[in-house]
Amino acid sequence: MYRIGVVGPKLSIERTMQALQGQQLEANYELYPYEHARETVDIIHRNRENVHGWVFTGPIPYLTAQTVLHKKEHAIYCPPTGASLYKAILQAVYSLDTNIKEMSIDMPDNESWGMMDSLEELNFTENQLRKYVFSIDYDVQEMVEFHVRHWQEGLTKAAITCLYAVYEELLERGVPVFKINSTKLETIQAVRMLVEQIRSSAFKDSQIGVLMIEIDRLHEAGKHSAERYQLQHMELKIKSLLLHHCERIDGSLHQDGTGRYLMYGSRGGMARNMDSLFATMRQLELDTDLPSFAGIGFGETAFDAERHARKAIQYAKDDEAGPIIIYETDGTIVEMAGEDQALSYETYSSDVELLEQLNKAGVSIRTFQKIKAYIRRIGKEEFTASELASGLSMTVRHVQRIMGSLTAFSLAEIAGSELNTRRGRPSNRYRLIR
C-alpha cells in the first residue's frame, strides 16, 4: 500500500476523503490540514519522508508546493474544471430559487485550470460576472471585501469562490456563496493517476543498473617487472575507492580486466548517488593521473543492463561526450548525467529521408540529435558555431564543418550573421530546418 499525504484546509480534506471512501486505490492516507496555505511548505519539509506522494485539495497549496517539491516527488491536484464551475452555478440557481445572472467569482491566475474557457462559453457580460483573479500571495480579506462590496451594492446576487477561507467568511457576512469543488469522479481519477505514477516510478526504480568504470591506459602500466608491484598497489587503492561508492549504492563490485570495473545494483540506488559517483571519478583521476570514464546502463535483466553499460562507456570515451554517460533502456543517451546541464537525446531515427541526407552530409544521427537536444534546452532557434561548440564541448572548427555539411544538404540554413568584437569576418548564425 502506498502512503499518500493529503494537504489542504480541514473541510476540504474531509470532502476529499468522502469522495475516496470505499475506493480500492491501494493507498493509505496521511492527513495534513492547515489554517493557511503558507503552511504547505513546512508540511512538505517535515513529512516528505513519510509519504510516497501528495494530493493537494486546492490550487493554492499545489502552486505553493511547487517551490519546494523535488523533481522526483509525485504530486497531483484535481483542478476546477467546467463541470466544477457549472456545478457551483447550478447550486446557486437551485438554492436561491431565482434566475441568477449577476455573480462575483474568484479564480487562480493560472489559466491552465481551464475555468476561463468555461466562463467564456457561458457568455456572461462584464456587468453580469465580476471576476477576481488571485495568485499564491493572495489576501483573503481583500477577496472577501471584493465579493461583499459587489453584493451590498446590488451588482451581484451570489458569490462563487475557490477558497474555503473566503467561503466561510462570506457565510458569516450573510453573502450567498457557493464553493467550486471538483466532482467525486474527478477526485477519484486524480488520485488513481497519482497511484499509477507512484507504481510506475517504483517499478522503474527497481530496474537493474550496471555501472562500468574504465581507467584509460592503466593496463599499459606494469609492462616492466619493476612496475608490476606499483600497479598492484595502484589497483588496491582503486578498489578501495570504488568499494566506498559501491557501498553507497548497495551494489556488488567486480573487476573486468585491468583498469575496468563493474558495479551491479538498482537503478534507484545509482540515480540517488550521482554526487558520490562524480566525487569518486574526480578522486580516481587525482590518484592515477589518468583519464577515467563511467558508463551506466539500465535494463530489465542484468544482461541488458551490462550491454547498455558497455555502450555507454564507448560514448563516454568519445572526446565530445562527458566522463559519465547513461544509456537508458529505450536507447536514449544522457550526457553530463547528474548535472543541471544534462543533455538527453536519442541515437536513432525512423525518418528514412533524414538518415539518407545525414549519410550524404557525413554527419552521424547521434551528432544531429545531440545538436537538436542542445538547441531545445537553451530555447534558441538560431545559434553560432562558437555557441554550439561551447555548449557541446566541441572545437569551433569541428562545429563549423558539421554545420557547413548540414547546410549543404538542406538540414540547416544560415539565418544571418553576427559581427565580432574582434577583427575578422562576421560569424554565421545557423538554424536547423529538420
Protein backbone atom coordinates (compact mmCIF):
# COMPACT_ATOMS: atom_id res chain seq x y z
CA MET A 1 0.00 0.00 0.00
CA TYR A 2 1.27 3.47 -0.88
CA ARG A 3 1.16 6.28 1.68
CA ILE A 4 -0.32 9.48 0.27
CA GLY A 5 -0.30 12.81 2.05
CA VAL A 6 -3.45 14.92 1.66
CA VAL A 7 -2.84 18.64 2.18
CA GLY A 8 -5.44 21.40 2.43
CA PRO A 9 -7.98 23.10 4.71
CA LYS A 10 -9.74 20.73 7.13
CA LEU A 11 -13.14 20.92 5.42
CA SER A 12 -11.56 20.42 2.01
CA ILE A 13 -9.69 17.33 3.24
CA GLU A 14 -12.88 15.91 4.72
CA ARG A 15 -14.65 16.37 1.41
CA THR A 16 -11.79 14.71 -0.47
CA MET A 17 -11.81 11.71 1.88
CA GLN A 18 -15.58 11.33 1.47
CA ALA A 19 -15.07 11.09 -2.29
CA LEU A 20 -12.37 8.45 -1.83
CA GLN A 21 -14.29 6.40 0.71
CA GLY A 22 -14.78 2.81 -0.45
CA GLN A 23 -12.43 3.18 -3.41
CA GLN A 24 -9.85 0.40 -3.78
CA LEU A 25 -6.84 2.50 -4.82
CA GLU A 26 -4.05 0.65 -2.95
CA ALA A 27 -3.38 3.70 -0.82
CA ASN A 28 -3.36 4.77 2.80
CA TYR A 29 -3.83 8.46 3.51
CA GLU A 30 -1.94 10.77 5.87
CA LEU A 31 -3.99 13.93 6.51
CA TYR A 32 -2.25 17.29 6.88
CA PRO A 33 -4.83 20.09 7.44
CA TYR A 34 -3.69 23.69 7.70
CA GLU A 35 -5.09 27.10 8.68
CA HIS A 36 -3.30 28.97 5.88
CA ALA A 37 -1.77 27.74 2.61
CA ARG A 38 1.66 29.12 3.55
CA GLU A 39 1.91 26.18 5.98
CA THR A 40 2.18 23.86 2.97
CA VAL A 41 5.95 24.35 2.67
CA ASP A 42 6.56 23.34 6.28
CA ILE A 43 4.23 20.34 5.96
CA ILE A 44 6.22 19.04 2.99
CA HIS A 45 9.61 19.57 4.68
CA ARG A 46 8.51 17.72 7.83
CA ASN A 47 6.68 14.82 6.20
CA ARG A 48 8.15 14.14 2.75
CA GLU A 49 9.96 11.03 4.05
CA ASN A 50 6.69 9.58 5.36
CA VAL A 51 4.73 9.53 2.11
CA HIS A 52 5.09 8.27 -1.46
CA GLY A 53 3.12 11.15 -2.97
CA TRP A 54 0.97 14.20 -2.32
CA VAL A 55 -2.64 15.17 -3.03
CA PHE A 56 -3.42 18.88 -2.73
CA THR A 57 -7.06 19.80 -2.28
CA GLY A 58 -6.85 23.26 -3.85
CA PRO A 59 -4.92 25.32 -6.41
CA ILE A 60 -3.08 27.48 -3.88
CA PRO A 61 -1.40 24.69 -1.83
CA TYR A 62 -0.49 22.96 -5.08
CA LEU A 63 1.14 26.07 -6.55
CA THR A 64 2.84 26.84 -3.24
CA ALA A 65 4.26 23.32 -3.09
CA GLN A 66 5.94 23.67 -6.50
CA THR A 67 8.62 25.86 -4.91
CA VAL A 68 9.85 23.05 -2.61
CA LEU A 69 8.86 19.76 -4.26
CA HIS A 70 11.74 17.77 -5.69
CA LYS A 71 11.65 16.72 -9.32
CA LYS A 72 11.03 13.08 -8.44
CA GLU A 73 8.31 13.73 -5.88
CA HIS A 74 4.84 12.79 -7.02
CA ALA A 75 2.12 15.38 -6.50
CA ILE A 76 -1.27 15.95 -8.01
CA TYR A 77 -4.18 18.35 -7.77
CA CYS A 78 -7.59 17.96 -9.29
CA PRO A 79 -8.11 21.42 -10.80
CA PRO A 80 -11.51 23.08 -11.07
CA THR A 81 -12.95 22.33 -14.48
CA GLY A 82 -16.00 23.40 -16.42
CA ALA A 83 -18.02 20.69 -14.65
CA SER A 84 -16.94 22.05 -11.25
CA LEU A 85 -17.92 25.60 -12.25
CA TYR A 86 -21.28 24.57 -13.72
CA LYS A 87 -21.99 22.55 -10.58
CA ALA A 88 -21.45 25.64 -8.39
CA ILE A 89 -23.67 27.79 -10.63
CA LEU A 90 -26.44 25.16 -10.60
CA GLN A 91 -26.25 25.01 -6.81
CA ALA A 92 -26.64 28.80 -6.69
CA VAL A 93 -29.67 28.76 -9.00
CA TYR A 94 -31.29 25.86 -7.14
CA SER A 95 -30.60 27.19 -3.64
CA LEU A 96 -31.74 30.78 -4.29
CA ASP A 97 -34.71 29.71 -6.39
CA THR A 98 -34.25 32.61 -8.77
CA ASN A 99 -32.84 33.35 -12.18
CA ILE A 100 -29.35 34.49 -11.25
CA LYS A 101 -27.49 36.43 -13.91
CA GLU A 102 -25.21 38.59 -11.77
CA MET A 103 -22.43 36.91 -9.78
CA SER A 104 -18.92 37.52 -8.50
CA ILE A 105 -16.24 34.86 -8.82
CA ASP A 106 -12.62 34.42 -7.77
CA MET A 107 -10.15 32.12 -9.52
CA PRO A 108 -6.38 31.43 -9.61
CA ASP A 109 -4.32 33.36 -12.13
CA ASN A 110 -3.16 30.21 -13.91
CA GLU A 111 -5.46 29.71 -16.88
CA SER A 112 -4.30 26.10 -17.23
CA TRP A 113 -7.08 25.25 -14.78
CA GLY A 114 -9.46 25.73 -17.74
CA MET A 115 -12.02 27.83 -15.90
CA MET A 116 -11.62 30.90 -18.08
CA ASP A 117 -12.66 28.99 -21.19
CA SER A 118 -15.70 27.60 -19.39
CA LEU A 119 -16.74 31.09 -18.29
CA GLU A 120 -16.45 32.38 -21.85
CA GLU A 121 -18.74 29.59 -23.05
CA LEU A 122 -21.44 30.84 -20.66
CA ASN A 123 -21.45 34.21 -22.47
CA PHE A 124 -21.58 36.31 -19.32
CA THR A 125 -21.13 40.04 -19.84
CA GLU A 126 -18.68 42.06 -17.72
CA ASN A 127 -21.60 43.52 -15.77
CA GLN A 128 -23.09 40.10 -15.08
CA LEU A 129 -19.89 38.42 -13.89
CA ARG A 130 -17.37 40.25 -11.68
CA LYS A 131 -14.03 38.41 -11.68
CA TYR A 132 -11.26 38.50 -9.08
CA VAL A 133 -8.05 36.75 -10.20
CA PHE A 134 -5.63 35.87 -7.41
CA SER A 135 -2.09 34.48 -7.11
CA ILE A 136 -0.19 32.49 -4.46
CA ASP A 137 0.27 35.51 -2.20
CA TYR A 138 -3.47 36.14 -2.03
CA ASP A 139 -5.20 38.27 0.60
CA VAL A 140 -8.32 36.58 1.97
CA GLN A 141 -9.79 39.80 3.38
CA GLU A 142 -9.30 41.62 0.11
CA MET A 143 -11.12 38.83 -1.73
CA VAL A 144 -13.92 38.81 0.82
CA GLU A 145 -14.37 42.58 0.53
CA PHE A 146 -14.48 42.24 -3.26
CA HIS A 147 -17.45 39.88 -3.07
CA VAL A 148 -19.19 41.74 -0.23
CA ARG A 149 -18.89 45.13 -1.92
CA HIS A 150 -20.50 43.96 -5.16
CA TRP A 151 -23.26 42.15 -3.27
CA GLN A 152 -24.07 45.10 -1.00
CA GLU A 153 -24.16 47.48 -3.95
CA GLY A 154 -26.71 45.20 -5.63
CA LEU A 155 -24.37 44.41 -8.53
CA THR A 156 -24.39 40.68 -7.74
CA LYS A 157 -26.80 38.21 -6.17
CA ALA A 158 -24.31 35.46 -5.28
CA ALA A 159 -20.60 34.79 -4.94
CA ILE A 160 -18.61 31.80 -6.20
CA THR A 161 -15.21 31.07 -4.69
CA CYS A 162 -12.35 28.57 -4.95
CA LEU A 163 -11.12 29.03 -1.36
CA TYR A 164 -12.65 27.68 1.86
CA ALA A 165 -11.38 30.65 3.90
CA VAL A 166 -13.29 33.03 1.63
CA TYR A 167 -16.33 30.73 1.62
CA GLU A 168 -16.55 30.62 5.43
CA GLU A 169 -16.06 34.39 5.82
CA LEU A 170 -18.76 35.18 3.26
CA LEU A 171 -21.19 32.83 5.01
CA GLU A 172 -20.65 34.72 8.25
CA ARG A 173 -21.23 38.03 6.42
CA GLY A 174 -24.55 36.75 5.07
CA VAL A 175 -23.50 36.68 1.41
CA PRO A 176 -24.99 33.83 -0.67
CA VAL A 177 -21.80 31.96 -1.52
CA PHE A 178 -21.03 28.69 -3.30
CA LYS A 179 -17.76 26.78 -3.37
CA ILE A 180 -16.19 25.45 -6.56
CA ASN A 181 -15.27 21.83 -5.81
CA SER A 182 -14.08 19.07 -8.08
CA THR A 183 -16.63 16.34 -8.61
CA LYS A 184 -16.31 12.98 -6.86
CA LEU A 185 -15.33 11.29 -10.12
CA GLU A 186 -12.64 13.91 -10.83
CA THR A 187 -11.17 13.44 -7.36
CA ILE A 188 -11.06 9.65 -7.70
CA GLN A 189 -9.48 9.87 -11.15
CA ALA A 190 -6.81 12.30 -9.92
CA VAL A 191 -5.80 10.05 -7.02
CA ARG A 192 -5.86 6.97 -9.25
CA MET A 193 -3.49 8.76 -11.63
CA LEU A 194 -1.17 9.61 -8.72
CA VAL A 195 -1.08 5.98 -7.58
CA GLU A 196 -0.21 4.86 -11.11
CA GLN A 197 2.64 7.40 -11.23
CA ILE A 198 4.00 6.10 -7.92
CA ARG A 199 3.70 2.48 -9.04
CA SER A 200 5.43 3.20 -12.33
CA SER A 201 8.22 5.06 -10.55
CA ALA A 202 8.70 2.21 -8.06
CA PHE A 203 8.96 -0.31 -10.91
CA LYS A 204 11.49 1.86 -12.73
CA ASP A 205 13.44 2.44 -9.52
CA SER A 206 13.87 -1.31 -9.08
CA GLN A 207 15.35 -1.87 -12.54
CA ILE A 208 18.83 -3.37 -12.65
CA GLY A 209 21.67 -0.91 -13.11
CA VAL A 210 25.23 -1.63 -14.11
CA LEU A 211 27.99 0.94 -13.64
CA MET A 212 31.15 0.40 -15.67
CA ILE A 213 34.24 2.42 -14.80
CA GLU A 214 37.31 2.38 -17.01
CA ILE A 215 40.66 3.97 -16.22
CA ASP A 216 42.29 4.73 -19.54
CA ARG A 217 45.71 3.17 -20.28
CA LEU A 218 46.07 1.66 -16.81
CA HIS A 219 46.89 -1.69 -18.47
CA GLU A 220 49.97 -0.11 -20.02
CA ALA A 221 51.48 0.38 -16.58
CA GLY A 222 53.23 -2.66 -15.19
CA LYS A 223 54.61 -3.91 -18.52
CA HIS A 224 58.00 -3.91 -16.91
CA SER A 225 58.69 -6.14 -13.93
CA ALA A 226 59.86 -3.18 -11.85
CA GLU A 227 56.44 -1.58 -12.21
CA ARG A 228 54.35 -4.69 -11.51
CA TYR A 229 54.10 -4.14 -7.77
CA GLN A 230 53.43 -0.46 -8.28
CA LEU A 231 50.47 -1.37 -10.48
CA GLN A 232 49.14 -3.84 -7.91
CA HIS A 233 49.33 -1.22 -5.17
CA MET A 234 47.52 1.17 -7.51
CA GLU A 235 44.76 -1.37 -8.17
CA LEU A 236 44.28 -1.97 -4.44
CA LYS A 237 43.87 1.77 -3.91
CA ILE A 238 41.40 1.97 -6.81
CA LYS A 239 39.34 -0.94 -5.46
CA SER A 240 39.22 0.64 -2.02
CA LEU A 241 37.91 3.88 -3.51
CA LEU A 242 35.34 2.09 -5.67
CA LEU A 243 34.15 -0.04 -2.77
CA HIS A 244 33.13 3.11 -0.89
CA HIS A 245 30.85 4.10 -3.78
CA CYS A 246 29.64 0.52 -4.20
CA GLU A 247 28.61 0.50 -0.55
CA ARG A 248 26.61 3.71 -1.05
CA ILE A 249 24.60 2.20 -3.91
CA ASP A 250 24.26 -1.15 -2.07
CA GLY A 251 25.81 -2.94 -5.04
CA SER A 252 28.49 -5.51 -5.80
CA LEU A 253 31.91 -4.80 -7.33
CA HIS A 254 33.62 -6.94 -9.98
CA GLN A 255 36.81 -6.43 -11.96
CA ASP A 256 36.64 -6.86 -15.72
CA GLY A 257 40.29 -6.79 -16.69
CA THR A 258 42.97 -4.27 -15.86
CA GLY A 259 41.53 -0.83 -15.27
CA ARG A 260 37.89 -1.82 -15.87
CA TYR A 261 35.38 -2.41 -13.08
CA LEU A 262 31.69 -3.30 -12.94
CA MET A 263 29.18 -2.47 -10.21
CA TYR A 264 25.78 -4.16 -10.14
CA GLY A 265 22.92 -2.51 -8.27
CA SER A 266 19.48 -0.98 -8.65
CA ARG A 267 18.54 1.95 -10.83
CA GLY A 268 17.27 3.86 -7.81
CA GLY A 269 20.48 3.38 -5.83
CA MET A 270 22.60 4.63 -8.70
CA ALA A 271 20.37 7.59 -9.51
CA ARG A 272 20.35 8.76 -5.89
CA ASN A 273 24.13 8.69 -5.61
CA MET A 274 25.31 10.58 -8.68
CA ASP A 275 27.12 13.12 -6.49
CA SER A 276 29.11 10.29 -4.93
CA LEU A 277 29.99 8.98 -8.39
CA PHE A 278 31.26 12.40 -9.51
CA ALA A 279 33.43 12.64 -6.40
CA THR A 280 34.74 9.11 -7.00
CA MET A 281 35.63 9.87 -10.61
CA ARG A 282 37.48 13.04 -9.62
CA GLN A 283 39.46 11.17 -6.96
CA LEU A 284 40.33 8.39 -9.43
CA GLU A 285 41.89 10.88 -11.80
CA LEU A 286 43.84 12.51 -8.96
CA ASP A 287 45.14 9.18 -7.67
CA THR A 288 46.04 7.65 -11.05
CA ASP A 289 46.82 10.77 -13.09
CA LEU A 290 44.89 9.06 -15.90
CA PRO A 291 41.54 9.91 -17.50
CA SER A 292 38.61 7.88 -16.15
CA PHE A 293 35.23 7.19 -17.75
CA ALA A 294 31.93 5.87 -16.44
CA GLY A 295 29.05 4.30 -18.31
CA ILE A 296 25.75 3.40 -16.66
CA GLY A 297 23.29 1.01 -18.26
CA PHE A 298 19.79 0.11 -17.12
CA GLY A 299 17.70 -2.90 -18.07
CA GLU A 300 15.10 -5.43 -17.01
CA THR A 301 17.85 -8.08 -16.79
CA ALA A 302 21.49 -7.95 -15.75
CA PHE A 303 22.49 -8.95 -19.28
CA ASP A 304 20.65 -5.98 -20.84
CA ALA A 305 21.94 -3.55 -18.20
CA GLU A 306 25.55 -4.67 -18.74
CA ARG A 307 25.17 -4.46 -22.51
CA HIS A 308 23.87 -0.91 -22.18
CA ALA A 309 26.70 -0.02 -19.78
CA ARG A 310 29.27 -1.17 -22.34
CA LYS A 311 27.63 1.04 -24.97
CA ALA A 312 27.62 3.94 -22.52
CA ILE A 313 31.34 3.57 -21.80
CA GLN A 314 32.09 3.79 -25.50
CA TYR A 315 30.17 7.07 -25.70
CA ALA A 316 31.92 8.31 -22.54
CA LYS A 317 35.33 7.76 -24.15
CA ASP A 318 34.27 9.95 -27.07
CA ASP A 319 36.03 13.32 -26.92
CA GLU A 320 32.70 15.09 -27.46
CA ALA A 321 30.94 13.46 -24.53
CA GLY A 322 31.18 13.92 -20.79
CA PRO A 323 33.02 11.49 -18.48
CA ILE A 324 29.75 9.96 -17.22
CA ILE A 325 27.17 8.65 -19.68
CA ILE A 326 23.85 6.90 -19.07
CA TYR A 327 22.34 4.54 -21.63
CA GLU A 328 18.61 4.16 -20.97
CA THR A 329 16.50 1.08 -21.69
CA ASP A 330 14.93 2.78 -24.73
CA GLY A 331 18.30 3.72 -26.25
CA THR A 332 18.29 7.31 -25.02
CA ILE A 333 21.70 8.75 -24.17
CA VAL A 334 22.15 11.11 -21.20
CA GLU A 335 25.37 13.12 -21.22
CA MET A 336 26.66 15.11 -18.25
CA ALA A 337 24.42 12.84 -16.18
CA GLY A 338 23.57 14.09 -12.71
CA GLU A 339 24.34 17.73 -13.56
CA ASP A 340 21.97 20.65 -14.09
CA GLN A 341 23.02 20.86 -17.74
CA ALA A 342 22.41 17.17 -18.52
CA LEU A 343 21.74 16.54 -22.19
CA SER A 344 19.36 13.77 -23.22
CA TYR A 345 18.89 12.60 -26.81
CA GLU A 346 18.05 9.57 -28.90
CA THR A 347 20.65 7.82 -31.03
CA TYR A 348 18.23 6.66 -33.70
CA SER A 349 15.54 7.91 -36.07
CA SER A 350 12.84 6.25 -38.15
CA ASP A 351 12.95 9.10 -40.68
CA VAL A 352 14.49 7.39 -43.72
CA GLU A 353 14.85 10.62 -45.69
CA LEU A 354 16.66 12.30 -42.78
CA LEU A 355 19.03 9.36 -42.42
CA GLU A 356 19.83 9.47 -46.14
CA GLN A 357 20.56 13.20 -46.00
CA LEU A 358 22.76 12.79 -42.92
CA ASN A 359 24.64 9.98 -44.62
CA LYS A 360 25.34 12.23 -47.61
CA ALA A 361 26.41 15.05 -45.30
CA GLY A 362 28.73 12.74 -43.38
CA VAL A 363 27.10 13.59 -40.05
CA SER A 364 26.00 10.84 -37.65
CA ILE A 365 22.43 10.66 -36.40
CA ARG A 366 23.84 10.85 -32.86
CA THR A 367 25.56 14.18 -33.55
CA PHE A 368 22.45 15.59 -35.21
CA GLN A 369 20.16 14.51 -32.36
CA LYS A 370 22.64 15.89 -29.85
CA ILE A 371 22.60 19.31 -31.55
CA LYS A 372 18.79 19.30 -31.60
CA ALA A 373 18.67 18.40 -27.90
CA TYR A 374 21.03 21.24 -27.02
CA ILE A 375 19.04 23.76 -29.07
CA ARG A 376 15.83 22.67 -27.30
CA ARG A 377 17.50 23.04 -23.92
CA ILE A 378 18.74 26.60 -24.47
CA GLY A 379 15.43 27.61 -26.06
CA LYS A 380 17.00 29.37 -29.06
CA GLU A 381 16.31 28.57 -32.69
CA GLU A 382 19.36 30.42 -34.00
CA PHE A 383 22.94 29.92 -32.85
CA THR A 384 26.55 30.48 -33.85
CA ALA A 385 29.24 27.84 -34.21
CA SER A 386 31.03 29.17 -31.13
CA GLU A 387 27.86 28.97 -29.01
CA LEU A 388 27.27 25.38 -30.08
CA ALA A 389 30.92 24.46 -29.60
CA SER A 390 30.91 25.85 -26.06
CA GLY A 391 27.68 24.05 -25.10
CA LEU A 392 28.71 20.68 -26.56
CA SER A 393 32.42 20.77 -25.66
CA MET A 394 33.49 20.67 -29.31
CA THR A 395 36.00 22.80 -31.15
CA VAL A 396 34.63 25.72 -33.16
CA ARG A 397 36.33 24.36 -36.30
CA HIS A 398 34.62 20.98 -35.85
CA VAL A 399 31.20 22.61 -35.39
CA GLN A 400 31.77 24.78 -38.46
CA ARG A 401 32.46 21.66 -40.51
CA ILE A 402 29.31 19.97 -39.21
CA MET A 403 27.08 22.99 -39.81
CA GLY A 404 28.61 23.51 -43.25
CA SER A 405 27.70 19.93 -44.19
CA LEU A 406 24.18 20.21 -42.72
CA THR A 407 23.63 23.46 -44.62
CA ALA A 408 24.90 21.99 -47.89
CA PHE A 409 22.34 19.19 -47.69
CA SER A 410 19.36 21.34 -46.59
CA LEU A 411 19.31 20.13 -43.00
CA ALA A 412 20.22 23.58 -41.69
CA GLU A 413 20.35 27.10 -43.04
CA ILE A 414 22.22 30.32 -42.42
CA ALA A 415 19.79 32.64 -40.63
CA GLY A 416 22.05 35.70 -40.58
CA SER A 417 25.42 36.88 -39.38
CA GLU A 418 26.80 38.36 -36.20
CA LEU A 419 29.59 40.94 -36.02
CA ASN A 420 32.55 40.02 -33.88
CA THR A 421 34.10 42.49 -31.46
CA ARG A 422 37.49 41.34 -32.70
CA ARG A 423 38.81 41.55 -36.21
CA GLY A 424 37.63 39.05 -38.76
CA ARG A 425 34.58 38.08 -40.70
CA PRO A 426 31.12 38.08 -39.09
CA SER A 427 30.01 34.76 -37.58
CA ASN A 428 27.16 32.93 -39.29
CA ARG A 429 24.01 32.26 -37.31
CA TYR A 430 22.50 28.87 -38.11
CA ARG A 431 19.05 27.37 -37.83
CA LEU A 432 18.13 23.69 -38.10
CA ILE A 433 15.33 23.04 -40.58
CA ARG A 434 14.67 19.37 -39.91
